């Protein structure tokens, strides 16, 4: 069984800036989302035991620290560079308007083949898929695994695990109040938003 959690909302999420391998702090909402995930995981995991593997980026570390506080179901916590977000390279820290000024027409060109277009000093989604395939090949399938990562990483992990097409993958989302459970090629989304449960 594999559980996939995304980091909470960050300052750059609010500003619609590309984060990639750079970082910004969790917002207050982001911290609340991490606390909601904490409650959801505690309820779901109960008698189970999970090995936790996280992206090493700060926003994920901050989310995991909150979400795993006092967790009794964790056997080990490790970090793996292959779980880092899709690398936006020279676009990191910029919003769409700033990207258009610095790289005129490139966003439109990328839209024509979003999966394979490699960003300047960055990655394509195809390269991201390659490193995540390597990651999945290396994990011990006999263990239950809990991952803390990023939106595009979450989408691409689901692509690989569920044999989705590129088109299906790009249409996916990962609400920051939820986590995904994948077991025997079946996927379930668990929403932890307290507003929906009140």
C-alpha atoms as a PDB file:
ATOM      1  CA  UNK A   1       0.000   0.000   0.000  1.00  0.00           C
ATOM      2  CA  UNK A   2       1.216   3.497  -0.877  1.00  0.00           C
ATOM      3  CA  UNK A   3      -0.193   6.711   0.618  1.00  0.00           C
ATOM      4  CA  UNK A   4       0.574  10.007  -1.127  1.00  0.00           C
ATOM      5  CA  UNK A   5       0.401  13.343   0.723  1.00  0.00           C
ATOM      6  CA  UNK A   6       1.083  16.785  -0.727  1.00  0.00           C
ATOM      7  CA  UNK A   7       2.619  19.697   1.170  1.00  0.00           C
ATOM      8  CA  UNK A   8       0.357  22.433   2.532  1.00  0.00           C
ATOM      9  CA  UNK A   9      -0.268  25.749   0.793  1.00  0.00           C
ATOM     10  CA  UNK A  10       2.781  28.022   0.529  1.00  0.00           C
ATOM     11  CA  UNK A  11       3.292  31.751   0.008  1.00  0.00           C
ATOM     12  CA  UNK A  12       4.254  31.125  -3.613  1.00  0.00           C
ATOM     13  CA  UNK A  13       1.183  28.946  -4.181  1.00  0.00           C
ATOM     14  CA  UNK A  14      -0.843  32.025  -3.177  1.00  0.00           C
ATOM     15  CA  UNK A  15       1.140  34.214  -5.587  1.00  0.00           C
ATOM     16  CA  UNK A  16       0.974  31.631  -8.438  1.00  0.00           C
ATOM     17  CA  UNK A  17       4.763  31.443  -8.626  1.00  0.00           C
ATOM     18  CA  UNK A  18       6.600  28.383  -9.932  1.00  0.00           C
ATOM     19  CA  UNK A  19       8.363  26.748  -6.975  1.00  0.00           C
ATOM     20  CA  UNK A  20      10.113  23.690  -8.370  1.00  0.00           C
ATOM     21  CA  UNK A  21      13.302  23.104  -6.370  1.00  0.00           C
ATOM     22  CA  UNK A  22      13.115  26.520  -4.667  1.00  0.00           C
ATOM     23  CA  UNK A  23      10.991  27.047  -1.578  1.00  0.00           C
ATOM     24  CA  UNK A  24       8.618  29.363   0.224  1.00  0.00           C
ATOM     25  CA  UNK A  25       7.067  29.139   3.678  1.00  0.00           C
ATOM     26  CA  UNK A  26       3.776  27.454   4.502  1.00  0.00           C
ATOM     27  CA  UNK A  27       0.891  29.878   4.938  1.00  0.00           C
ATOM     28  CA  UNK A  28      -1.395  29.655   7.972  1.00  0.00           C
ATOM     29  CA  UNK A  29      -3.819  27.750   5.761  1.00  0.00           C
ATOM     30  CA  UNK A  30      -0.959  25.446   4.757  1.00  0.00           C
ATOM     31  CA  UNK A  31      -0.260  24.684   8.411  1.00  0.00           C
ATOM     32  CA  UNK A  32      -3.992  24.009   8.972  1.00  0.00           C
ATOM     33  CA  UNK A  33      -3.965  21.633   6.001  1.00  0.00           C
ATOM     34  CA  UNK A  34      -1.016  19.764   7.509  1.00  0.00           C
ATOM     35  CA  UNK A  35      -2.908  19.460  10.806  1.00  0.00           C
ATOM     36  CA  UNK A  36      -5.949  18.130   8.946  1.00  0.00           C
ATOM     37  CA  UNK A  37      -3.730  15.554   7.217  1.00  0.00           C
ATOM     38  CA  UNK A  38      -2.366  14.627  10.659  1.00  0.00           C
ATOM     39  CA  UNK A  39      -5.885  13.827  11.849  1.00  0.00           C
ATOM     40  CA  UNK A  40      -6.769  11.960   8.637  1.00  0.00           C
ATOM     41  CA  UNK A  41      -3.631   9.821   8.741  1.00  0.00           C
ATOM     42  CA  UNK A  42      -4.085   9.048  12.418  1.00  0.00           C
ATOM     43  CA  UNK A  43      -7.613   7.831  11.697  1.00  0.00           C
ATOM     44  CA  UNK A  44      -6.670   5.854   8.579  1.00  0.00           C
ATOM     45  CA  UNK A  45      -3.398   4.304   9.757  1.00  0.00           C
ATOM     46  CA  UNK A  46      -4.444   3.149  13.252  1.00  0.00           C
ATOM     47  CA  UNK A  47      -3.066  -0.405  13.609  1.00  0.00           C
ATOM     48  CA  UNK A  48      -0.913  -0.217  10.471  1.00  0.00           C
ATOM     49  CA  UNK A  49       2.815   0.564  10.262  1.00  0.00           C
ATOM     50  CA  UNK A  50       4.256   2.828   7.576  1.00  0.00           C
ATOM     51  CA  UNK A  51       7.713   3.693   6.351  1.00  0.00           C
ATOM     52  CA  UNK A  52       7.714   7.421   5.556  1.00  0.00           C
ATOM     53  CA  UNK A  53       9.693   8.828   2.632  1.00  0.00           C
ATOM     54  CA  UNK A  54       9.719  12.590   2.004  1.00  0.00           C
ATOM     55  CA  UNK A  55      10.939  15.082  -0.523  1.00  0.00           C
ATOM     56  CA  UNK A  56      13.826  16.975   1.103  1.00  0.00           C
ATOM     57  CA  UNK A  57      12.416  20.401   0.179  1.00  0.00           C
ATOM     58  CA  UNK A  58      11.497  22.697   3.059  1.00  0.00           C
ATOM     59  CA  UNK A  59       7.759  22.975   2.393  1.00  0.00           C
ATOM     60  CA  UNK A  60       7.439  19.190   2.528  1.00  0.00           C
ATOM     61  CA  UNK A  61       9.611  18.891   5.637  1.00  0.00           C
ATOM     62  CA  UNK A  62       7.436  21.513   7.370  1.00  0.00           C
ATOM     63  CA  UNK A  63       4.229  19.724   6.363  1.00  0.00           C
ATOM     64  CA  UNK A  64       5.512  16.307   7.428  1.00  0.00           C
ATOM     65  CA  UNK A  65       6.711  17.655  10.781  1.00  0.00           C
ATOM     66  CA  UNK A  66       3.177  18.822  11.576  1.00  0.00           C
ATOM     67  CA  UNK A  67       1.347  15.868  10.019  1.00  0.00           C
ATOM     68  CA  UNK A  68       3.513  13.244  11.734  1.00  0.00           C
ATOM     69  CA  UNK A  69       3.605  14.822  15.196  1.00  0.00           C
ATOM     70  CA  UNK A  70       3.143  12.033  17.760  1.00  0.00           C
ATOM     71  CA  UNK A  71       2.460   9.481  14.983  1.00  0.00           C
ATOM     72  CA  UNK A  72       2.570   5.967  16.443  1.00  0.00           C
ATOM     73  CA  UNK A  73       2.302   4.250  13.051  1.00  0.00           C
ATOM     74  CA  UNK A  74       5.691   5.387  11.652  1.00  0.00           C
ATOM     75  CA  UNK A  75       8.570   2.896  11.547  1.00  0.00           C
ATOM     76  CA  UNK A  76      11.121   5.144   9.810  1.00  0.00           C
ATOM     77  CA  UNK A  77      11.388   8.570   8.133  1.00  0.00           C
ATOM     78  CA  UNK A  78      13.812   9.085   5.246  1.00  0.00           C
ATOM     79  CA  UNK A  79      14.290  11.674   2.489  1.00  0.00           C
ATOM     80  CA  UNK A  80      14.818  11.044  -1.204  1.00  0.00           C
ATOM     81  CA  UNK A  81      15.865  13.655  -3.792  1.00  0.00           C
ATOM     82  CA  UNK A  82      13.836  11.813  -6.434  1.00  0.00           C
ATOM     83  CA  UNK A  83      10.643  13.023  -4.698  1.00  0.00           C
ATOM     84  CA  UNK A  84      11.547  16.680  -5.274  1.00  0.00           C
ATOM     85  CA  UNK A  85       9.075  18.678  -7.362  1.00  0.00           C
ATOM     86  CA  UNK A  86       9.324  18.941 -11.126  1.00  0.00           C
ATOM     87  CA  UNK A  87      12.283  21.236 -11.786  1.00  0.00           C
ATOM     88  CA  UNK A  88      11.116  24.530 -13.327  1.00  0.00           C
ATOM     89  CA  UNK A  89      14.718  25.683 -13.798  1.00  0.00           C
ATOM     90  CA  UNK A  90      14.965  29.310 -14.919  1.00  0.00           C
ATOM     91  CA  UNK A  91      11.207  29.733 -14.361  1.00  0.00           C
ATOM     92  CA  UNK A  92      11.427  29.128 -10.619  1.00  0.00           C
ATOM     93  CA  UNK A  93      10.238  32.051  -8.497  1.00  0.00           C
ATOM     94  CA  UNK A  94       8.383  33.600 -11.435  1.00  0.00           C
ATOM     95  CA  UNK A  95       4.675  33.943 -12.199  1.00  0.00           C
ATOM     96  CA  UNK A  96       3.198  33.540 -15.691  1.00  0.00           C
ATOM     97  CA  UNK A  97       3.438  37.239 -16.546  1.00  0.00           C
ATOM     98  CA  UNK A  98       7.108  37.391 -15.534  1.00  0.00           C
ATOM     99  CA  UNK A  99       7.867  34.215 -17.491  1.00  0.00           C
ATOM    100  CA  UNK A 100       6.308  35.741 -20.626  1.00  0.00           C
ATOM    101  CA  UNK A 101       8.463  38.868 -20.269  1.00  0.00           C
ATOM    102  CA  UNK A 102      11.701  36.885 -19.822  1.00  0.00           C
ATOM    103  CA  UNK A 103      10.868  33.993 -22.155  1.00  0.00           C
ATOM    104  CA  UNK A 104       8.465  35.372 -24.787  1.00  0.00           C
ATOM    105  CA  UNK A 105       6.309  32.679 -26.420  1.00  0.00           C
ATOM    106  CA  UNK A 106       7.872  29.804 -24.494  1.00  0.00           C
ATOM    107  CA  UNK A 107       4.779  29.059 -22.402  1.00  0.00           C
ATOM    108  CA  UNK A 108       2.678  28.708 -25.546  1.00  0.00           C
ATOM    109  CA  UNK A 109       5.328  26.500 -27.151  1.00  0.00           C
ATOM    110  CA  UNK A 110       5.392  24.299 -24.041  1.00  0.00           C
ATOM    111  CA  UNK A 111       1.603  23.865 -24.161  1.00  0.00           C
ATOM    112  CA  UNK A 112       1.933  22.116 -27.543  1.00  0.00           C
ATOM    113  CA  UNK A 113       3.861  19.206 -25.975  1.00  0.00           C
ATOM    114  CA  UNK A 114       3.668  19.765 -22.248  1.00  0.00           C
ATOM    115  CA  UNK A 115       4.932  16.310 -21.273  1.00  0.00           C
ATOM    116  CA  UNK A 116       8.159  16.384 -23.265  1.00  0.00           C
ATOM    117  CA  UNK A 117       9.049  20.075 -23.266  1.00  0.00           C
ATOM    118  CA  UNK A 118      12.202  20.598 -21.211  1.00  0.00           C
ATOM    119  CA  UNK A 119      12.368  23.945 -19.451  1.00  0.00           C
ATOM    120  CA  UNK A 120      15.587  26.002 -19.567  1.00  0.00           C
ATOM    121  CA  UNK A 121      17.852  24.695 -16.783  1.00  0.00           C
ATOM    122  CA  UNK A 122      14.923  22.517 -15.703  1.00  0.00           C
ATOM    123  CA  UNK A 123      13.063  19.319 -16.495  1.00  0.00           C
ATOM    124  CA  UNK A 124      10.313  17.967 -18.689  1.00  0.00           C
ATOM    125  CA  UNK A 125       7.535  15.925 -17.122  1.00  0.00           C
ATOM    126  CA  UNK A 126       9.019  12.932 -18.975  1.00  0.00           C
ATOM    127  CA  UNK A 127      12.282  13.377 -17.051  1.00  0.00           C
ATOM    128  CA  UNK A 128      10.300  13.631 -13.819  1.00  0.00           C
ATOM    129  CA  UNK A 129       8.562  10.368 -14.708  1.00  0.00           C
ATOM    130  CA  UNK A 130      11.939   8.695 -15.270  1.00  0.00           C
ATOM    131  CA  UNK A 131      13.258   9.599 -11.817  1.00  0.00           C
ATOM    132  CA  UNK A 132      10.009   8.604 -10.121  1.00  0.00           C
ATOM    133  CA  UNK A 133      10.003   5.261 -11.950  1.00  0.00           C
ATOM    134  CA  UNK A 134      13.517   4.718 -10.590  1.00  0.00           C
ATOM    135  CA  UNK A 135      12.278   5.628  -7.102  1.00  0.00           C
ATOM    136  CA  UNK A 136       9.330   3.215  -7.250  1.00  0.00           C
ATOM    137  CA  UNK A 137      11.546   0.425  -8.555  1.00  0.00           C
ATOM    138  CA  UNK A 138      13.812   0.837  -5.538  1.00  0.00           C
ATOM    139  CA  UNK A 139      11.251   0.810  -2.702  1.00  0.00           C
ATOM    140  CA  UNK A 140      10.445  -2.365  -0.794  1.00  0.00           C
ATOM    141  CA  UNK A 141       7.019  -3.461  -2.076  1.00  0.00           C
ATOM    142  CA  UNK A 142       6.467  -5.615   1.035  1.00  0.00           C
ATOM    143  CA  UNK A 143       6.258  -2.455   3.200  1.00  0.00           C
ATOM    144  CA  UNK A 144       3.391   0.008   3.515  1.00  0.00           C
ATOM    145  CA  UNK A 145       4.783   3.352   2.349  1.00  0.00           C
ATOM    146  CA  UNK A 146       3.691   6.910   3.188  1.00  0.00           C
ATOM    147  CA  UNK A 147       5.018   9.588   0.837  1.00  0.00           C
ATOM    148  CA  UNK A 148       5.145  13.354   1.384  1.00  0.00           C
ATOM    149  CA  UNK A 149       5.758  15.189  -1.874  1.00  0.00           C
ATOM    150  CA  UNK A 150       4.449  17.769  -4.378  1.00  0.00           C
ATOM    151  CA  UNK A 151       1.516  18.147  -6.759  1.00  0.00           C
ATOM    152  CA  UNK A 152       3.219  17.141 -10.028  1.00  0.00           C
ATOM    153  CA  UNK A 153       5.106  14.378  -8.234  1.00  0.00           C
ATOM    154  CA  UNK A 154       1.791  13.093  -6.862  1.00  0.00           C
ATOM    155  CA  UNK A 155       0.228  13.169 -10.336  1.00  0.00           C
ATOM    156  CA  UNK A 156       3.173  11.382 -11.927  1.00  0.00           C
ATOM    157  CA  UNK A 157       3.358   8.727  -9.205  1.00  0.00           C
ATOM    158  CA  UNK A 158      -0.314   7.987  -9.868  1.00  0.00           C
ATOM    159  CA  UNK A 159       0.406   7.827 -13.620  1.00  0.00           C
ATOM    160  CA  UNK A 160       3.042   5.160 -13.071  1.00  0.00           C
ATOM    161  CA  UNK A 161       1.179   3.159 -10.421  1.00  0.00           C
ATOM    162  CA  UNK A 162      -2.171   3.186 -12.252  1.00  0.00           C
ATOM    163  CA  UNK A 163      -0.898   3.071 -15.865  1.00  0.00           C
ATOM    164  CA  UNK A 164      -2.520   6.373 -16.795  1.00  0.00           C
ATOM    165  CA  UNK A 165      -1.958   8.259 -20.041  1.00  0.00           C
ATOM    166  CA  UNK A 166      -0.173  11.616 -20.182  1.00  0.00           C
ATOM    167  CA  UNK A 167      -3.509  13.314 -20.902  1.00  0.00           C
ATOM    168  CA  UNK A 168      -5.180  11.640 -17.901  1.00  0.00           C
ATOM    169  CA  UNK A 169      -2.234  12.570 -15.691  1.00  0.00           C
ATOM    170  CA  UNK A 170      -2.263  16.251 -16.583  1.00  0.00           C
ATOM    171  CA  UNK A 171      -5.991  16.387 -15.755  1.00  0.00           C
ATOM    172  CA  UNK A 172      -5.382  15.121 -12.202  1.00  0.00           C
ATOM    173  CA  UNK A 173      -5.199  17.346  -9.130  1.00  0.00           C
ATOM    174  CA  UNK A 174      -4.199  16.961  -5.488  1.00  0.00           C
ATOM    175  CA  UNK A 175      -6.201  19.030  -3.028  1.00  0.00           C
ATOM    176  CA  UNK A 176      -3.987  19.945  -0.067  1.00  0.00           C
ATOM    177  CA  UNK A 177      -6.628  18.780   2.424  1.00  0.00           C
ATOM    178  CA  UNK A 178      -6.475  15.211   1.079  1.00  0.00           C
ATOM    179  CA  UNK A 179      -4.262  12.191   0.568  1.00  0.00           C
ATOM    180  CA  UNK A 180      -4.412   9.282  -1.863  1.00  0.00           C
ATOM    181  CA  UNK A 181      -4.272   5.581  -1.039  1.00  0.00           C
ATOM    182  CA  UNK A 182      -3.147   3.202  -3.789  1.00  0.00           C
ATOM    183  CA  UNK A 183      -3.455  -0.511  -3.128  1.00  0.00           C
ATOM    184  CA  UNK A 184      -3.595  -3.326  -5.686  1.00  0.00           C
ATOM    185  CA  UNK A 185      -3.916  -0.800  -8.538  1.00  0.00           C
ATOM    186  CA  UNK A 186      -6.990   0.736  -6.881  1.00  0.00           C
ATOM    187  CA  UNK A 187      -6.985   4.385  -5.813  1.00  0.00           C
ATOM    188  CA  UNK A 188      -9.027   6.138  -3.139  1.00  0.00           C
ATOM    189  CA  UNK A 189      -8.893   9.798  -2.121  1.00  0.00           C
ATOM    190  CA  UNK A 190      -9.365  10.650   1.559  1.00  0.00           C
ATOM    191  CA  UNK A 191     -10.505  14.206   2.237  1.00  0.00           C
ATOM    192  CA  UNK A 192      -9.422  15.578   5.615  1.00  0.00           C
ATOM    193  CA  UNK A 193     -11.021  19.025   5.338  1.00  0.00           C
ATOM    194  CA  UNK A 194     -12.762  19.579   8.711  1.00  0.00           C
ATOM    195  CA  UNK A 195     -15.356  21.848   7.066  1.00  0.00           C
ATOM    196  CA  UNK A 196     -16.634  18.899   5.036  1.00  0.00           C
ATOM    197  CA  UNK A 197     -16.932  16.747   8.164  1.00  0.00           C
ATOM    198  CA  UNK A 198     -18.630  19.254  10.469  1.00  0.00           C
END
